[in-house]
C-alpha atoms as a PDB file:
ATOM      1  CA  UNK A   1     113.857 111.480 103.565  1.00  0.00           C
ATOM      2  CA  UNK A   2     116.915 112.644 106.336  1.00  0.00           C
ATOM      3  CA  UNK A   3     115.087 113.475 110.098  1.00  0.00           C
ATOM      4  CA  UNK A   4     117.840 115.649 111.780  1.00  0.00           C
ATOM      5  CA  UNK A   5     117.307 117.124 115.330  1.00  0.00           C
ATOM      6  CA  UNK A   6     118.850 120.504 116.637  1.00  0.00           C
ATOM      7  CA  UNK A   7     119.456 117.851 120.316  1.00  0.00           C
ATOM      8  CA  UNK A   8     121.928 116.034 117.812  1.00  0.00           C
ATOM      9  CA  UNK A   9     124.141 119.605 116.880  1.00  0.00           C
ATOM     10  CA  UNK A  10     124.224 120.924 120.872  1.00  0.00           C
ATOM     11  CA  UNK A  11     126.174 117.431 121.855  1.00  0.00           C
ATOM     12  CA  UNK A  12     129.557 118.562 120.682  1.00  0.00           C
ATOM     13  CA  UNK A  13     131.842 120.286 118.230  1.00  0.00           C
ATOM     14  CA  UNK A  14     132.049 117.566 115.624  1.00  0.00           C
ATOM     15  CA  UNK A  15     128.016 116.700 116.198  1.00  0.00           C
ATOM     16  CA  UNK A  16     127.778 120.230 114.441  1.00  0.00           C
ATOM     17  CA  UNK A  17     130.270 120.262 112.616  1.00  0.00           C
ATOM     18  CA  UNK A  18     127.750 116.726 111.005  1.00  0.00           C
ATOM     19  CA  UNK A  19     124.878 118.846 111.191  1.00  0.00           C
ATOM     20  CA  UNK A  20     126.346 121.817 108.830  1.00  0.00           C
ATOM     21  CA  UNK A  21     127.286 118.942 106.785  1.00  0.00           C
ATOM     22  CA  UNK A  22     123.990 117.286 106.470  1.00  0.00           C
ATOM     23  CA  UNK A  23     121.875 120.359 106.199  1.00  0.00           C
ATOM     24  CA  UNK A  24     124.248 122.236 103.240  1.00  0.00           C
ATOM     25  CA  UNK A  25     122.199 122.497  99.577  1.00  0.00           C
ATOM     26  CA  UNK A  26     123.120 119.801  97.217  1.00  0.00           C
ATOM     27  CA  UNK A  27     121.824 118.717  94.324  1.00  0.00           C
ATOM     28  CA  UNK A  28     120.807 114.857  94.728  1.00  0.00           C
ATOM     29  CA  UNK A  29     120.117 115.018  98.806  1.00  0.00           C
ATOM     30  CA  UNK A  30     117.168 113.590 100.040  1.00  0.00           C
ATOM     31  CA  UNK A  31     114.067 115.633 101.430  1.00  0.00           C
ATOM     32  CA  UNK A  32     116.449 117.085 104.760  1.00  0.00           C
ATOM     33  CA  UNK A  33     113.810 117.629 107.950  1.00  0.00           C
ATOM     34  CA  UNK A  34     115.169 119.123 110.452  1.00  0.00           C
ATOM     35  CA  UNK A  35     113.196 119.524 114.491  1.00  0.00           C
ATOM     36  CA  UNK A  36     114.625 123.013 116.244  1.00  0.00           C
ATOM     37  CA  UNK A  37     114.212 120.906 119.330  1.00  0.00           C
ATOM     38  CA  UNK A  38     116.211 124.113 120.692  1.00  0.00           C
ATOM     39  CA  UNK A  39     117.517 122.883 124.854  1.00  0.00           C
ATOM     40  CA  UNK A  40     119.039 125.592 126.093  1.00  0.00           C
ATOM     41  CA  UNK A  41     120.418 123.151 129.161  1.00  0.00           C
ATOM     42  CA  UNK A  42     122.497 121.531 126.369  1.00  0.00           C
ATOM     43  CA  UNK A  43     124.295 124.329 124.917  1.00  0.00           C
ATOM     44  CA  UNK A  44     127.671 125.518 125.874  1.00  0.00           C
ATOM     45  CA  UNK A  45     129.995 128.807 124.883  1.00  0.00           C
ATOM     46  CA  UNK A  46     127.776 128.930 121.593  1.00  0.00           C
ATOM     47  CA  UNK A  47     124.924 131.161 120.380  1.00  0.00           C
ATOM     48  CA  UNK A  48     122.649 128.538 120.222  1.00  0.00           C
ATOM     49  CA  UNK A  49     119.405 130.267 118.413  1.00  0.00           C
ATOM     50  CA  UNK A  50     121.675 131.902 115.532  1.00  0.00           C
ATOM     51  CA  UNK A  51     123.218 128.268 114.832  1.00  0.00           C
ATOM     52  CA  UNK A  52     120.133 126.648 114.866  1.00  0.00           C
ATOM     53  CA  UNK A  53     118.821 129.249 112.718  1.00  0.00           C
ATOM     54  CA  UNK A  54     120.598 128.702 110.620  1.00  0.00           C
ATOM     55  CA  UNK A  55     120.546 124.936 110.252  1.00  0.00           C
ATOM     56  CA  UNK A  56     117.121 125.311 109.979  1.00  0.00           C
ATOM     57  CA  UNK A  57     117.951 127.667 106.381  1.00  0.00           C
ATOM     58  CA  UNK A  58     119.126 124.518 105.279  1.00  0.00           C
ATOM     59  CA  UNK A  59     116.682 122.010 105.931  1.00  0.00           C
ATOM     60  CA  UNK A  60     113.643 121.271 102.971  1.00  0.00           C
ATOM     61  CA  UNK A  61     111.425 120.396 106.004  1.00  0.00           C
ATOM     62  CA  UNK A  62     111.011 122.144 109.455  1.00  0.00           C
ATOM     63  CA  UNK A  63     109.483 121.411 112.561  1.00  0.00           C
ATOM     64  CA  UNK A  64     109.818 124.520 115.231  1.00  0.00           C
ATOM     65  CA  UNK A  65     107.741 125.437 118.698  1.00  0.00           C
ATOM     66  CA  UNK A  66     106.201 128.976 118.816  1.00  0.00           C
ATOM     67  CA  UNK A  67     107.769 128.597 122.627  1.00  0.00           C
ATOM     68  CA  UNK A  68     111.538 128.292 120.527  1.00  0.00           C
ATOM     69  CA  UNK A  69     111.343 130.550 117.956  1.00  0.00           C
ATOM     70  CA  UNK A  70     113.879 132.837 119.096  1.00  0.00           C
ATOM     71  CA  UNK A  71     111.409 135.033 121.146  1.00  0.00           C
ATOM     72  CA  UNK A  72     109.538 135.615 117.856  1.00  0.00           C
ATOM     73  CA  UNK A  73     105.598 136.328 118.119  1.00  0.00           C
ATOM     74  CA  UNK A  74     103.135 134.683 115.744  1.00  0.00           C
ATOM     75  CA  UNK A  75     103.658 132.271 112.911  1.00  0.00           C
ATOM     76  CA  UNK A  76     103.728 134.687 110.466  1.00  0.00           C
ATOM     77  CA  UNK A  77     107.212 136.470 112.351  1.00  0.00           C
ATOM     78  CA  UNK A  78     108.755 132.895 112.304  1.00  0.00           C
ATOM     79  CA  UNK A  79     108.216 132.207 108.370  1.00  0.00           C
ATOM     80  CA  UNK A  80     109.700 135.423 108.005  1.00  0.00           C
ATOM     81  CA  UNK A  81     113.119 134.487 109.666  1.00  0.00           C
ATOM     82  CA  UNK A  82     113.117 131.646 107.666  1.00  0.00           C
ATOM     83  CA  UNK A  83     112.095 131.989 104.469  1.00  0.00           C
ATOM     84  CA  UNK A  84     113.854 129.668 102.672  1.00  0.00           C
ATOM     85  CA  UNK A  85     112.757 125.864 103.980  1.00  0.00           C
ATOM     86  CA  UNK A  86     109.528 124.871 101.140  1.00  0.00           C
ATOM     87  CA  UNK A  87     107.462 123.748 104.306  1.00  0.00           C
ATOM     88  CA  UNK A  88     107.964 124.934 107.775  1.00  0.00           C
ATOM     89  CA  UNK A  89     105.587 123.459 110.690  1.00  0.00           C
ATOM     90  CA  UNK A  90     105.189 125.890 113.586  1.00  0.00           C
ATOM     91  CA  UNK A  91     103.673 124.211 116.216  1.00  0.00           C
ATOM     92  CA  UNK A  92     101.323 126.226 118.481  1.00  0.00           C
ATOM     93  CA  UNK A  93     101.019 123.733 121.408  1.00  0.00           C
ATOM     94  CA  UNK A  94      97.701 123.060 122.281  1.00  0.00           C
ATOM     95  CA  UNK A  95      95.770 125.421 120.277  1.00  0.00           C
ATOM     96  CA  UNK A  96      97.611 123.653 116.712  1.00  0.00           C
ATOM     97  CA  UNK A  97      99.913 123.723 114.220  1.00  0.00           C
ATOM     98  CA  UNK A  98     100.558 125.573 111.097  1.00  0.00           C
ATOM     99  CA  UNK A  99     101.618 125.184 107.443  1.00  0.00           C
ATOM    100  CA  UNK A 100     104.150 127.081 105.601  1.00  0.00           C
ATOM    101  CA  UNK A 101     104.320 126.187 102.163  1.00  0.00           C
ATOM    102  CA  UNK A 102     105.370 127.707  98.671  1.00  0.00           C
ATOM    103  CA  UNK A 103     101.677 127.649  98.194  1.00  0.00           C
ATOM    104  CA  UNK A 104      99.613 128.458 100.642  1.00  0.00           C
ATOM    105  CA  UNK A 105      99.511 128.554 104.614  1.00  0.00           C
ATOM    106  CA  UNK A 106      97.432 125.980 106.634  1.00  0.00           C
ATOM    107  CA  UNK A 107      96.432 125.684 110.321  1.00  0.00           C
ATOM    108  CA  UNK A 108      94.786 123.025 111.950  1.00  0.00           C
ATOM    109  CA  UNK A 109      93.627 123.098 116.125  1.00  0.00           C
ATOM    110  CA  UNK A 110      94.846 120.250 118.023  1.00  0.00           C
ATOM    111  CA  UNK A 111      92.042 117.636 119.323  1.00  0.00           C
ATOM    112  CA  UNK A 112      91.186 118.089 122.918  1.00  0.00           C
ATOM    113  CA  UNK A 113      93.194 116.245 124.830  1.00  0.00           C
ATOM    114  CA  UNK A 114      93.438 114.344 127.990  1.00  0.00           C
ATOM    115  CA  UNK A 115      97.159 114.664 129.378  1.00  0.00           C
ATOM    116  CA  UNK A 116      98.492 112.456 131.786  1.00  0.00           C
ATOM    117  CA  UNK A 117     101.976 112.847 130.132  1.00  0.00           C
ATOM    118  CA  UNK A 118     103.741 116.167 128.920  1.00  0.00           C
ATOM    119  CA  UNK A 119     106.512 114.590 127.435  1.00  0.00           C
ATOM    120  CA  UNK A 120     107.754 113.034 123.546  1.00  0.00           C
ATOM    121  CA  UNK A 121     104.617 114.838 121.712  1.00  0.00           C
ATOM    122  CA  UNK A 122     106.951 117.009 120.176  1.00  0.00           C
ATOM    123  CA  UNK A 123     108.585 113.859 118.446  1.00  0.00           C
ATOM    124  CA  UNK A 124     105.425 111.985 118.180  1.00  0.00           C
ATOM    125  CA  UNK A 125     104.171 114.796 116.166  1.00  0.00           C
ATOM    126  CA  UNK A 126     106.850 115.516 113.951  1.00  0.00           C
ATOM    127  CA  UNK A 127     106.711 111.394 113.078  1.00  0.00           C
ATOM    128  CA  UNK A 128     102.875 111.619 112.613  1.00  0.00           C
ATOM    129  CA  UNK A 129     103.594 114.346 109.896  1.00  0.00           C
ATOM    130  CA  UNK A 130     106.655 112.725 108.369  1.00  0.00           C
ATOM    131  CA  UNK A 131     104.370 109.751 107.536  1.00  0.00           C
ATOM    132  CA  UNK A 132     101.668 111.366 106.076  1.00  0.00           C
ATOM    133  CA  UNK A 133     104.034 113.403 104.059  1.00  0.00           C
ATOM    134  CA  UNK A 134     105.851 110.143 102.909  1.00  0.00           C
ATOM    135  CA  UNK A 135     102.369 108.590 101.845  1.00  0.00           C
ATOM    136  CA  UNK A 136     101.673 111.823 100.037  1.00  0.00           C
ATOM    137  CA  UNK A 137      98.379 113.390 102.137  1.00  0.00           C
ATOM    138  CA  UNK A 138      97.211 116.741 101.888  1.00  0.00           C
ATOM    139  CA  UNK A 139      98.262 118.970 104.495  1.00  0.00           C
ATOM    140  CA  UNK A 140      95.741 119.375 106.443  1.00  0.00           C
ATOM    141  CA  UNK A 141      95.746 115.384 106.732  1.00  0.00           C
ATOM    142  CA  UNK A 142      99.613 115.423 107.835  1.00  0.00           C
ATOM    143  CA  UNK A 143      99.182 117.909 110.310  1.00  0.00           C
ATOM    144  CA  UNK A 144      96.105 116.114 111.942  1.00  0.00           C
ATOM    145  CA  UNK A 145      98.192 112.963 111.579  1.00  0.00           C
ATOM    146  CA  UNK A 146     100.746 114.905 112.958  1.00  0.00           C
ATOM    147  CA  UNK A 147      98.500 115.978 116.561  1.00  0.00           C
ATOM    148  CA  UNK A 148      96.723 112.465 116.889  1.00  0.00           C
ATOM    149  CA  UNK A 149     100.815 110.887 117.667  1.00  0.00           C
ATOM    150  CA  UNK A 150     101.332 113.753 119.719  1.00  0.00           C
ATOM    151  CA  UNK A 151      98.148 113.031 121.410  1.00  0.00           C
ATOM    152  CA  UNK A 152      99.340 109.022 121.265  1.00  0.00           C
ATOM    153  CA  UNK A 153     102.049 110.639 123.661  1.00  0.00           C
ATOM    154  CA  UNK A 154     100.518 112.855 125.807  1.00  0.00           C
ATOM    155  CA  UNK A 155      98.002 110.206 126.911  1.00  0.00           C
ATOM    156  CA  UNK A 156     100.767 107.588 127.786  1.00  0.00           C
ATOM    157  CA  UNK A 157     103.170 108.002 131.543  1.00  0.00           C
ATOM    158  CA  UNK A 158     106.762 108.672 129.617  1.00  0.00           C
ATOM    159  CA  UNK A 159     107.222 109.468 125.828  1.00  0.00           C
ATOM    160  CA  UNK A 160     106.965 106.074 124.445  1.00  0.00           C
ATOM    161  CA  UNK A 161     103.663 105.482 123.023  1.00  0.00           C
ATOM    162  CA  UNK A 162     101.711 102.470 120.870  1.00  0.00           C
ATOM    163  CA  UNK A 163     100.216 104.628 117.845  1.00  0.00           C
ATOM    164  CA  UNK A 164      96.689 104.148 116.300  1.00  0.00           C
ATOM    165  CA  UNK A 165      96.649 101.459 113.743  1.00  0.00           C
ATOM    166  CA  UNK A 166      97.022 103.607 110.430  1.00  0.00           C
ATOM    167  CA  UNK A 167      92.967 102.644 109.050  1.00  0.00           C
ATOM    168  CA  UNK A 168      91.931 104.102 112.414  1.00  0.00           C
ATOM    169  CA  UNK A 169      94.011 107.304 111.803  1.00  0.00           C
ATOM    170  CA  UNK A 170      92.987 107.380 108.698  1.00  0.00           C
ATOM    171  CA  UNK A 171      89.096 107.128 110.009  1.00  0.00           C
ATOM    172  CA  UNK A 172      90.239 110.601 112.225  1.00  0.00           C
ATOM    173  CA  UNK A 173      91.934 113.049 110.170  1.00  0.00           C
ATOM    174  CA  UNK A 174      89.767 112.305 107.746  1.00  0.00           C
ATOM    175  CA  UNK A 175      86.310 114.216 109.613  1.00  0.00           C
ATOM    176  CA  UNK A 176      85.004 117.059 108.800  1.00  0.00           C
ATOM    177  CA  UNK A 177      85.552 120.066 110.636  1.00  0.00           C
ATOM    178  CA  UNK A 178      83.029 119.940 113.303  1.00  0.00           C
ATOM    179  CA  UNK A 179      82.893 116.911 114.393  1.00  0.00           C
ATOM    180  CA  UNK A 180      87.267 117.381 114.726  1.00  0.00           C
ATOM    181  CA  UNK A 181      86.604 120.469 116.880  1.00  0.00           C
ATOM    182  CA  UNK A 182      84.580 117.484 118.875  1.00  0.00           C
ATOM    183  CA  UNK A 183      87.149 115.465 119.219  1.00  0.00           C
ATOM    184  CA  UNK A 184      88.626 114.645 122.861  1.00  0.00           C
ATOM    185  CA  UNK A 185      91.022 112.124 123.192  1.00  0.00           C
ATOM    186  CA  UNK A 186      92.187 110.425 126.384  1.00  0.00           C
ATOM    187  CA  UNK A 187      93.704 107.126 127.482  1.00  0.00           C
ATOM    188  CA  UNK A 188      93.159 103.791 125.264  1.00  0.00           C
ATOM    189  CA  UNK A 189      92.149 105.832 122.827  1.00  0.00           C
ATOM    190  CA  UNK A 190      94.311 104.511 120.301  1.00  0.00           C
ATOM    191  CA  UNK A 191      92.685 100.574 121.151  1.00  0.00           C
ATOM    192  CA  UNK A 192      89.190 102.438 120.338  1.00  0.00           C
ATOM    193  CA  UNK A 193      88.715 101.719 116.957  1.00  0.00           C
ATOM    194  CA  UNK A 194      84.457 100.240 117.766  1.00  0.00           C
ATOM    195  CA  UNK A 195      82.869 103.765 118.980  1.00  0.00           C
ATOM    196  CA  UNK A 196      82.328 106.949 116.401  1.00  0.00           C
ATOM    197  CA  UNK A 197      85.565 108.790 115.967  1.00  0.00           C
ATOM    198  CA  UNK A 198      84.093 111.754 117.809  1.00  0.00           C
ATOM    199  CA  UNK A 199      83.082 109.422 120.471  1.00  0.00           C
ATOM    200  CA  UNK A 200      86.639 108.932 121.411  1.00  0.00           C
ATOM    201  CA  UNK A 201      86.992 110.045 124.618  1.00  0.00           C
ATOM    202  CA  UNK A 202      88.067 109.010 128.462  1.00  0.00           C
ATOM    203  CA  UNK A 203      85.106 107.289 129.482  1.00  0.00           C
END
């Protein structure tokens, strides 16, 4: 798997050329994952939304936040604009995230999180989703692992957080829908393996 970010494309003309080369569809390439990561302040003299959309169309797996999706309203509209990727993940903030693949559409709500700092969550979500993808987990669990790693980033100062142990994350991702809906994660939750999963919360 090759994971790419739209931030790289904004850094220089040669970086953009490289990104176009890496997202060009060709036989034998690895699975290409692309996070749109639109940062308007980095772009100069370029139609950034269209450039990022073109790069996304060449990827196999794409992450895009609803707030950076070219002004489109709703996950279905984003999918209509990006039909090419095998898997499209539309991140919908605190509400959750939706995955479109060739077979189905899956929405998983995000757990409630006591936010300490709202930085780094998008990259952490991608890391959790991609790790679960490489493990061959079901789409629902891929989304849940994305939410869990995002929660790890959101419950610490700064944008670097120690992830939960795999066994801990797997146990939480396997909760039934009712227990997942009750889940609330606060500072220190990644170290909490003693209490019942649905009770992981800030004291």
